[in-house]
């Protein structure tokens, strides 16, 4: 089917700000604790590179002096024990973080569904007459599910990967500015590739969410009207209409996932190429005794710098890949959150009536007076702009004169 012209989806900061505000207000203590655990785990996972460099230097020193247990115990074993202790704390931190996120995610979705349902009860009949019921159901299923992925996976991964990338970048600058700049050139290329492919994937993921809502709305409408369809022999036309909607969903889903599935392997292989380039350049710098520039002040590039630097290269590019993979989840989550907020922000039904049915007392002359007790007689209380009030006895006489109805002006 012909491709429709699409607008590039925009990252709505207002939606994200509102979402995070609701999260923090719902769990003011759990969210900061969860973030702390995530950051602690991320930083601990970046530290081994420092220990590896020190261990390699200690082994080199031990070989020069003659490797003995006493020397190993005083130089290598303490570093290994500290590293083991950090990993144990990291395991505890990961456990706490995963349990907290399970509570936060499911609890937050529960609160959002409650808010949506409570607000829906106050909507006017007009809303339900102008929106397909299946599309409304999609708010509670597909759109809420995108929020689950955003809160439980995308945001924690974003925090964790960003912390790891920042920590590793500082450690790499501590080792060698030249090798770090080389790696950052590759990261710029990775970012450019992610932007190109990610933007193509994002616009189709947004369209996919809308297509799912349309399909569910159509199916629900056809299920409710199945008897009418049978009576008027409308089956073939329904199949044709459903085929068009289903084809649109297929196109959007196919293109969205084609872009998304291509992004990961491409970024991963760019990372592998960067690993090889860093290894080759690092080896040449060792062989040629190239002067080093670093925050640590190490004068030359040595094997104790290149080996941990290669490990950090894999860690750095791997987390860049994870960040790029979260683009689609974030875009889908923002699209779902926007739809959910649109439902929550719908204006509730307003009582625009200006007459009130009240208890009344009617005397022999037909004069009507409002009563504060139940009299068995009723009257319509009609306030006027000049401050006066008139009462019309309730007679059970209903007349419709020049009455019409329209949801939209000009379309009765």
Protein backbone atom coordinates (compact mmCIF):
# COMPACT_ATOMS: atom_id res chain seq x y z
CA UNK A 1 0.00 0.00 0.00
CA UNK A 2 1.28 3.54 -0.66
CA UNK A 3 3.31 5.05 2.10
CA UNK A 4 1.80 8.09 3.74
CA UNK A 5 3.81 11.20 4.49
CA UNK A 6 4.75 11.21 8.14
CA UNK A 7 5.96 13.86 10.50
CA UNK A 8 9.10 13.12 12.44
CA UNK A 9 8.15 12.26 16.03
CA UNK A 10 9.29 14.79 18.60
CA UNK A 11 10.62 14.01 22.03
CA UNK A 12 8.02 15.57 24.29
CA UNK A 13 9.85 16.76 27.39
CA UNK A 14 6.57 17.78 28.99
CA UNK A 15 5.24 14.21 28.88
CA UNK A 16 8.45 12.81 30.39
CA UNK A 17 8.51 15.49 33.09
CA UNK A 18 4.90 14.75 34.02
CA UNK A 19 5.56 11.01 34.04
CA UNK A 20 8.63 11.34 36.29
CA UNK A 21 6.72 13.72 38.57
CA UNK A 22 3.94 11.15 39.01
CA UNK A 23 6.53 8.45 39.69
CA UNK A 24 8.37 10.44 42.36
CA UNK A 25 5.13 11.55 44.02
CA UNK A 26 3.89 7.96 44.11
CA UNK A 27 7.16 6.54 45.52
CA UNK A 28 9.19 9.40 47.06
CA UNK A 29 11.50 7.03 49.00
CA UNK A 30 11.71 3.97 46.76
CA UNK A 31 12.69 5.86 43.59
CA UNK A 32 15.82 7.56 45.06
CA UNK A 33 16.88 4.29 46.72
CA UNK A 34 16.44 2.44 43.42
CA UNK A 35 18.50 5.09 41.58
CA UNK A 36 21.24 4.85 44.21
CA UNK A 37 21.40 1.04 43.81
CA UNK A 38 21.51 1.38 40.03
CA UNK A 39 24.33 3.92 40.14
CA UNK A 40 26.29 1.91 42.71
CA UNK A 41 26.06 -1.23 40.57
CA UNK A 42 27.08 0.72 37.46
CA UNK A 43 30.12 2.28 39.11
CA UNK A 44 31.26 -1.03 40.65
CA UNK A 45 31.06 -2.70 37.22
CA UNK A 46 33.45 -0.04 35.87
CA UNK A 47 36.10 -0.29 38.63
CA UNK A 48 37.80 -3.62 37.69
CA UNK A 49 39.77 -1.86 34.95
CA UNK A 50 41.69 0.08 37.62
CA UNK A 51 42.45 -3.09 39.56
CA UNK A 52 43.48 -4.95 36.39
CA UNK A 53 46.10 -2.33 35.57
CA UNK A 54 47.49 -2.48 39.12
CA UNK A 55 47.51 -6.30 39.14
CA UNK A 56 49.39 -6.42 35.81
CA UNK A 57 51.98 -3.98 37.16
CA UNK A 58 52.27 -6.02 40.36
CA UNK A 59 52.82 -9.24 38.39
CA UNK A 60 55.51 -7.51 36.28
CA UNK A 61 57.23 -6.29 39.46
CA UNK A 62 56.97 -9.74 41.00
CA UNK A 63 58.59 -11.34 37.96
CA UNK A 64 61.49 -8.91 38.20
CA UNK A 65 61.97 -9.56 41.93
CA UNK A 66 61.15 -13.28 41.82
CA UNK A 67 57.51 -14.27 42.37
CA UNK A 68 56.94 -15.44 45.97
CA UNK A 69 53.80 -16.06 48.02
CA UNK A 70 54.72 -13.24 50.40
CA UNK A 71 55.06 -10.80 47.53
CA UNK A 72 51.79 -11.97 45.95
CA UNK A 73 50.02 -11.77 49.31
CA UNK A 74 51.15 -8.20 49.87
CA UNK A 75 50.50 -6.86 46.34
CA UNK A 76 47.94 -8.96 44.43
CA UNK A 77 45.73 -10.69 47.01
CA UNK A 78 44.51 -7.46 48.74
CA UNK A 79 43.37 -6.03 45.41
CA UNK A 80 41.54 -9.24 44.50
CA UNK A 81 39.83 -9.36 47.92
CA UNK A 82 38.68 -5.74 47.59
CA UNK A 83 37.30 -6.52 44.13
CA UNK A 84 35.43 -9.57 45.46
CA UNK A 85 33.95 -7.47 48.26
CA UNK A 86 32.74 -4.86 45.78
CA UNK A 87 31.12 -7.54 43.63
CA UNK A 88 29.31 -8.99 46.65
CA UNK A 89 27.94 -5.55 47.47
CA UNK A 90 27.00 -5.17 43.80
CA UNK A 91 24.99 -8.43 43.90
CA UNK A 92 23.11 -7.18 46.97
CA UNK A 93 22.52 -3.83 45.26
CA UNK A 94 21.18 -5.48 42.08
CA UNK A 95 18.83 -7.67 44.13
CA UNK A 96 17.44 -4.68 46.04
CA UNK A 97 17.09 -2.65 42.84
CA UNK A 98 15.21 -5.36 40.91
CA UNK A 99 12.78 -5.94 43.79
CA UNK A 100 12.16 -2.21 44.18
CA UNK A 101 11.57 -1.75 40.45
CA UNK A 102 9.07 -4.63 40.41
CA UNK A 103 7.08 -2.94 43.20
CA UNK A 104 7.39 0.53 41.66
CA UNK A 105 6.45 -0.56 38.13
CA UNK A 106 3.40 -2.63 38.97
CA UNK A 107 2.26 -0.20 41.67
CA UNK A 108 2.61 2.76 39.31
CA UNK A 109 0.62 1.02 36.58
CA UNK A 110 -2.06 0.18 39.14
CA UNK A 111 -2.30 3.85 40.14
CA UNK A 112 -2.40 4.99 36.50
CA UNK A 113 -5.22 2.56 35.66
CA UNK A 114 -7.13 3.75 38.73
CA UNK A 115 -6.73 7.40 37.66
CA UNK A 116 -7.78 6.61 34.10
CA UNK A 117 -10.85 4.63 35.16
CA UNK A 118 -11.93 7.19 37.77
CA UNK A 119 -11.62 10.00 35.24
CA UNK A 120 -13.46 7.99 32.61
CA UNK A 121 -16.50 7.73 34.88
CA UNK A 122 -16.89 11.52 34.74
CA UNK A 123 -16.68 11.82 30.94
CA UNK A 124 -19.79 12.86 28.98
CA UNK A 125 -21.68 10.45 26.73
CA UNK A 126 -20.31 12.43 23.81
CA UNK A 127 -16.82 11.05 24.41
CA UNK A 128 -17.96 7.43 24.14
CA UNK A 129 -20.08 8.17 21.08
CA UNK A 130 -17.18 9.80 19.24
CA UNK A 131 -14.44 7.27 20.23
CA UNK A 132 -14.37 3.59 19.39
CA UNK A 133 -14.67 1.41 22.45
CA UNK A 134 -11.80 -0.83 21.32
CA UNK A 135 -9.54 2.19 21.02
CA UNK A 136 -10.47 3.20 24.58
CA UNK A 137 -9.65 -0.35 25.72
CA UNK A 138 -6.26 0.03 24.03
CA UNK A 139 -5.39 2.72 26.61
CA UNK A 140 -5.65 0.09 29.37
CA UNK A 141 -3.73 -2.61 27.49
CA UNK A 142 -1.20 -1.53 24.85
CA UNK A 143 -0.51 2.01 26.07
CA UNK A 144 -0.17 0.95 29.69
CA UNK A 145 2.16 -1.86 28.57
CA UNK A 146 4.45 0.67 26.88
CA UNK A 147 4.63 2.48 30.24
CA UNK A 148 5.58 -0.82 31.89
CA UNK A 149 8.50 -1.24 29.49
CA UNK A 150 9.52 2.39 29.93
CA UNK A 151 9.49 2.35 33.75
CA UNK A 152 10.83 -1.16 34.35
CA UNK A 153 13.40 -1.43 31.53
CA UNK A 154 14.15 1.69 29.50
CA UNK A 155 14.63 4.26 32.29
CA UNK A 156 16.73 1.99 34.59
CA UNK A 157 18.87 0.94 31.61
CA UNK A 158 19.27 4.57 30.62
CA UNK A 159 20.46 5.53 34.12
CA UNK A 160 22.74 2.49 34.42
CA UNK A 161 24.32 2.77 30.96
CA UNK A 162 24.84 6.53 31.29
CA UNK A 163 26.55 6.06 34.67
CA UNK A 164 28.80 3.30 33.28
CA UNK A 165 29.72 5.32 30.18
CA UNK A 166 30.56 8.38 32.28
CA UNK A 167 32.62 6.39 34.80
CA UNK A 168 34.50 4.44 32.11
CA UNK A 169 35.20 7.64 30.18
CA UNK A 170 36.83 9.20 33.27
CA UNK A 171 38.91 6.05 33.86
CA UNK A 172 40.01 5.99 30.20
CA UNK A 173 41.11 9.62 30.43
CA UNK A 174 43.02 8.61 33.57
CA UNK A 175 44.92 6.02 31.48
CA UNK A 176 45.41 7.67 28.08
CA UNK A 177 43.91 10.74 26.45
CA UNK A 178 45.12 9.63 22.97
CA UNK A 179 43.37 6.27 23.06
CA UNK A 180 40.25 7.89 24.55
CA UNK A 181 40.05 10.41 21.69
CA UNK A 182 40.44 7.56 19.21
CA UNK A 183 37.54 5.72 20.81
CA UNK A 184 35.37 8.85 20.93
CA UNK A 185 35.72 9.24 17.16
CA UNK A 186 34.10 5.83 16.84
CA UNK A 187 31.39 6.84 19.32
CA UNK A 188 30.54 9.87 17.16
CA UNK A 189 30.02 7.55 14.21
CA UNK A 190 27.90 5.23 16.38
CA UNK A 191 25.78 8.18 17.50
CA UNK A 192 25.27 9.33 13.91
CA UNK A 193 24.21 5.81 12.87
CA UNK A 194 21.86 5.50 15.85
CA UNK A 195 20.22 8.82 15.01
CA UNK A 196 19.65 7.87 11.37
CA UNK A 197 18.27 4.40 12.04
CA UNK A 198 16.60 5.26 15.35
CA UNK A 199 14.58 8.15 13.92
CA UNK A 200 13.25 5.89 11.17
CA UNK A 201 12.28 3.27 13.73
CA UNK A 202 10.72 5.79 16.12
CA UNK A 203 8.25 7.28 13.65
CA UNK A 204 6.94 3.83 12.75
CA UNK A 205 6.66 2.76 16.39
CA UNK A 206 4.48 5.82 17.04
CA UNK A 207 2.31 4.93 14.03
CA UNK A 208 2.16 1.31 15.18
CA UNK A 209 0.63 2.34 18.53
CA UNK A 210 -2.08 4.29 16.72
CA UNK A 211 -2.70 1.44 14.27
CA UNK A 212 -3.15 -1.02 17.13
CA UNK A 213 -5.78 1.27 18.68
CA UNK A 214 -7.61 1.55 15.35
CA UNK A 215 -7.59 -2.21 14.81
CA UNK A 216 -8.85 -3.00 18.31
CA UNK A 217 -11.55 -0.35 17.93
CA UNK A 218 -12.70 -1.85 14.63
CA UNK A 219 -12.73 -5.43 15.96
CA UNK A 220 -14.71 -4.43 19.06
CA UNK A 221 -17.20 -2.51 16.91
CA UNK A 222 -17.69 -5.48 14.58
CA UNK A 223 -18.13 -7.89 17.51
CA UNK A 224 -20.89 -5.73 18.99
CA UNK A 225 -22.60 -5.36 15.62
CA UNK A 226 -22.23 -8.95 14.46
CA UNK A 227 -26.01 -9.54 14.30
CA UNK A 228 -26.52 -6.45 12.17
CA UNK A 229 -23.66 -7.54 9.89
CA UNK A 230 -25.29 -10.93 9.40
CA UNK A 231 -28.75 -9.50 8.77
CA UNK A 232 -27.53 -7.10 6.07
CA UNK A 233 -24.98 -9.57 4.55
CA UNK A 234 -22.14 -7.14 5.26
CA UNK A 235 -19.49 -9.81 5.87
CA UNK A 236 -17.47 -9.21 2.69
CA UNK A 237 -17.32 -5.46 3.24
CA UNK A 238 -16.19 -6.01 6.86
CA UNK A 239 -13.42 -8.35 5.70
CA UNK A 240 -12.27 -5.75 3.18
CA UNK A 241 -12.25 -2.95 5.78
CA UNK A 242 -10.42 -5.12 8.31
CA UNK A 243 -7.89 -6.11 5.65
CA UNK A 244 -7.01 -2.45 5.05
CA UNK A 245 -6.60 -1.72 8.77
CA UNK A 246 -4.62 -4.92 9.34
CA UNK A 247 -2.37 -4.18 6.35
CA UNK A 248 -1.64 -0.71 7.75
CA UNK A 249 -0.68 -2.26 11.10
CA UNK A 250 1.52 -4.81 9.33
CA UNK A 251 3.35 -2.09 7.41
CA UNK A 252 3.95 0.05 10.49
CA UNK A 253 5.02 -2.92 12.65
CA UNK A 254 7.25 -4.42 9.97
CA UNK A 255 9.09 -1.18 9.29
CA UNK A 256 9.41 -0.31 12.99
CA UNK A 257 10.96 -3.66 13.90
CA UNK A 258 13.07 -3.82 10.72
CA UNK A 259 14.79 -0.58 11.72
CA UNK A 260 15.00 -1.59 15.41
CA UNK A 261 16.42 -5.06 14.71
CA UNK A 262 19.07 -3.62 12.38
CA UNK A 263 20.31 -1.02 14.88
CA UNK A 264 21.69 -3.42 17.52
CA UNK A 265 23.92 -5.56 15.26
CA UNK A 266 25.22 -2.49 13.40
CA UNK A 267 26.21 -0.68 16.60
CA UNK A 268 27.69 -3.89 18.05
CA UNK A 269 29.88 -4.47 14.99
CA UNK A 270 31.02 -0.84 14.96
CA UNK A 271 32.08 -1.48 18.57
CA UNK A 272 34.00 -4.60 17.48
CA UNK A 273 35.79 -2.63 14.78
CA UNK A 274 36.73 0.02 17.34
CA UNK A 275 38.09 -2.73 19.63
CA UNK A 276 40.41 -3.94 16.85
CA UNK A 277 41.50 -0.39 15.95
CA UNK A 278 42.30 0.43 19.61
CA UNK A 279 44.22 -2.84 19.94
CA UNK A 280 46.29 -2.16 16.81
CA UNK A 281 46.98 1.51 17.64
CA UNK A 282 47.73 0.65 21.27
CA UNK A 283 50.18 -2.06 20.19
CA UNK A 284 51.95 0.35 17.84
CA UNK A 285 52.20 2.95 20.61
CA UNK A 286 53.80 0.35 22.91
CA UNK A 287 56.25 -0.77 20.20
CA UNK A 288 57.21 2.82 19.29
CA UNK A 289 57.38 4.06 22.91
CA UNK A 290 54.94 6.85 22.12
CA UNK A 291 54.72 9.44 24.94
CA UNK A 292 51.45 9.18 26.83
CA UNK A 293 49.10 11.97 27.87
CA UNK A 294 46.88 11.05 30.81
CA UNK A 295 45.38 12.27 34.06
CA UNK A 296 47.54 9.75 35.94
CA UNK A 297 50.78 11.21 34.58
CA UNK A 298 52.01 7.83 33.22
CA UNK A 299 54.78 8.81 30.74
CA UNK A 300 54.46 5.93 28.25
CA UNK A 301 51.75 3.68 26.86
CA UNK A 302 52.45 0.22 28.30
CA UNK A 303 50.80 -3.20 28.28
CA UNK A 304 49.33 -2.42 31.72
CA UNK A 305 47.42 0.46 30.08
CA UNK A 306 46.36 -1.15 26.78
CA UNK A 307 44.96 -4.41 28.26
CA UNK A 308 42.48 -2.77 30.68
CA UNK A 309 41.78 -0.12 28.04
CA UNK A 310 40.63 -2.84 25.63
CA UNK A 311 38.28 -4.23 28.28
CA UNK A 312 36.90 -0.73 28.83
CA UNK A 313 36.46 -0.31 25.07
CA UNK A 314 34.13 -3.33 24.98
CA UNK A 315 32.31 -2.07 28.07
CA UNK A 316 32.02 1.47 26.71
CA UNK A 317 30.73 0.53 23.23
CA UNK A 318 28.46 -2.15 24.73
CA UNK A 319 26.71 0.42 26.91
CA UNK A 320 26.49 2.88 24.01
CA UNK A 321 24.70 0.05 22.19
CA UNK A 322 22.34 -0.39 25.14
CA UNK A 323 21.56 3.33 25.11
CA UNK A 324 20.75 3.23 21.40
CA UNK A 325 18.50 0.20 21.94
CA UNK A 326 16.41 2.15 24.45
CA UNK A 327 15.50 4.85 21.92
CA UNK A 328 12.56 2.84 20.60
CA UNK A 329 11.30 1.89 24.07
CA UNK A 330 11.43 5.52 25.15
CA UNK A 331 9.63 6.74 22.03
CA UNK A 332 6.96 4.04 22.40
CA UNK A 333 6.63 4.84 26.10
CA UNK A 334 6.25 8.56 25.36
CA UNK A 335 3.62 7.82 22.71
CA UNK A 336 1.73 5.58 25.13
CA UNK A 337 2.06 8.09 27.98
CA UNK A 338 0.76 10.88 25.74
CA UNK A 339 -2.35 8.84 24.88
CA UNK A 340 -2.91 7.95 28.54
CA UNK A 341 -2.55 11.59 29.60
CA UNK A 342 -4.93 12.64 26.83
CA UNK A 343 -7.57 10.35 28.32
CA UNK A 344 -6.87 11.59 31.85
CA UNK A 345 -7.06 15.22 30.70
CA UNK A 346 -10.43 14.91 28.95
CA UNK A 347 -12.82 17.50 30.34
CA UNK A 348 -15.40 15.91 32.70
CA UNK A 349 -19.08 16.29 32.07
CA UNK A 350 -20.40 19.65 33.29
CA UNK A 351 -23.90 20.27 34.56
CA UNK A 352 -25.03 23.14 32.34
CA UNK A 353 -28.63 23.10 33.51
CA UNK A 354 -30.13 26.25 34.96
CA UNK A 355 -33.37 24.83 36.41
CA UNK A 356 -33.61 22.70 39.54
CA UNK A 357 -36.39 20.40 40.68
CA UNK A 358 -37.35 21.32 44.29
CA UNK A 359 -40.00 20.48 46.88
CA UNK A 360 -42.83 22.98 46.65
CA UNK A 361 -46.01 24.19 48.35
CA UNK A 362 -48.86 25.24 46.05
CA UNK A 363 -51.78 27.20 47.53
CA UNK A 364 -55.40 27.41 46.30
CA UNK A 365 -54.61 30.31 43.98
CA UNK A 366 -51.80 28.37 42.27
CA UNK A 367 -49.00 30.33 43.92
CA UNK A 368 -45.84 28.25 44.24
CA UNK A 369 -43.39 28.50 47.13
CA UNK A 370 -40.22 26.45 47.71
CA UNK A 371 -40.33 24.21 50.77
CA UNK A 372 -37.54 22.81 52.92
CA UNK A 373 -39.55 19.64 53.66
CA UNK A 374 -40.97 16.88 51.50
CA UNK A 375 -44.49 17.87 50.43
CA UNK A 376 -45.21 15.46 47.63
CA UNK A 377 -45.45 18.40 45.24
CA UNK A 378 -42.65 19.54 42.91
CA UNK A 379 -41.71 22.61 40.97
CA UNK A 380 -38.97 23.77 38.59
CA UNK A 381 -36.86 26.50 40.17
CA UNK A 382 -35.72 28.98 37.50
CA UNK A 383 -33.27 31.75 38.54
CA UNK A 384 -33.09 34.84 36.29
CA UNK A 385 -30.29 37.24 35.55
CA UNK A 386 -31.92 40.08 37.47
CA UNK A 387 -31.86 38.08 40.71
CA UNK A 388 -35.53 37.02 40.63
CA UNK A 389 -36.63 33.40 40.82
CA UNK A 390 -39.75 31.83 39.30
CA UNK A 391 -41.26 28.43 40.04
CA UNK A 392 -43.16 26.27 37.52
CA UNK A 393 -45.23 23.41 38.96
CA UNK A 394 -44.26 19.96 37.69
CA UNK A 395 -47.21 18.75 35.56
CA UNK A 396 -45.79 15.86 33.50
CA UNK A 397 -46.34 17.83 30.29
CA UNK A 398 -43.32 17.45 27.97
CA UNK A 399 -43.21 19.26 24.63
CA UNK A 400 -40.37 19.20 22.08
CA UNK A 401 -40.30 22.36 19.95
CA UNK A 402 -37.54 23.11 17.40
CA UNK A 403 -35.14 20.69 19.10
CA UNK A 404 -32.03 19.38 17.34
CA UNK A 405 -28.78 17.79 18.47
CA UNK A 406 -25.16 17.83 17.27
CA UNK A 407 -21.78 16.91 18.75
CA UNK A 408 -20.08 19.21 16.26
CA UNK A 409 -21.48 22.58 15.24
CA UNK A 410 -22.92 22.45 11.73
CA UNK A 411 -23.31 18.65 11.79
CA UNK A 412 -26.74 17.98 13.31
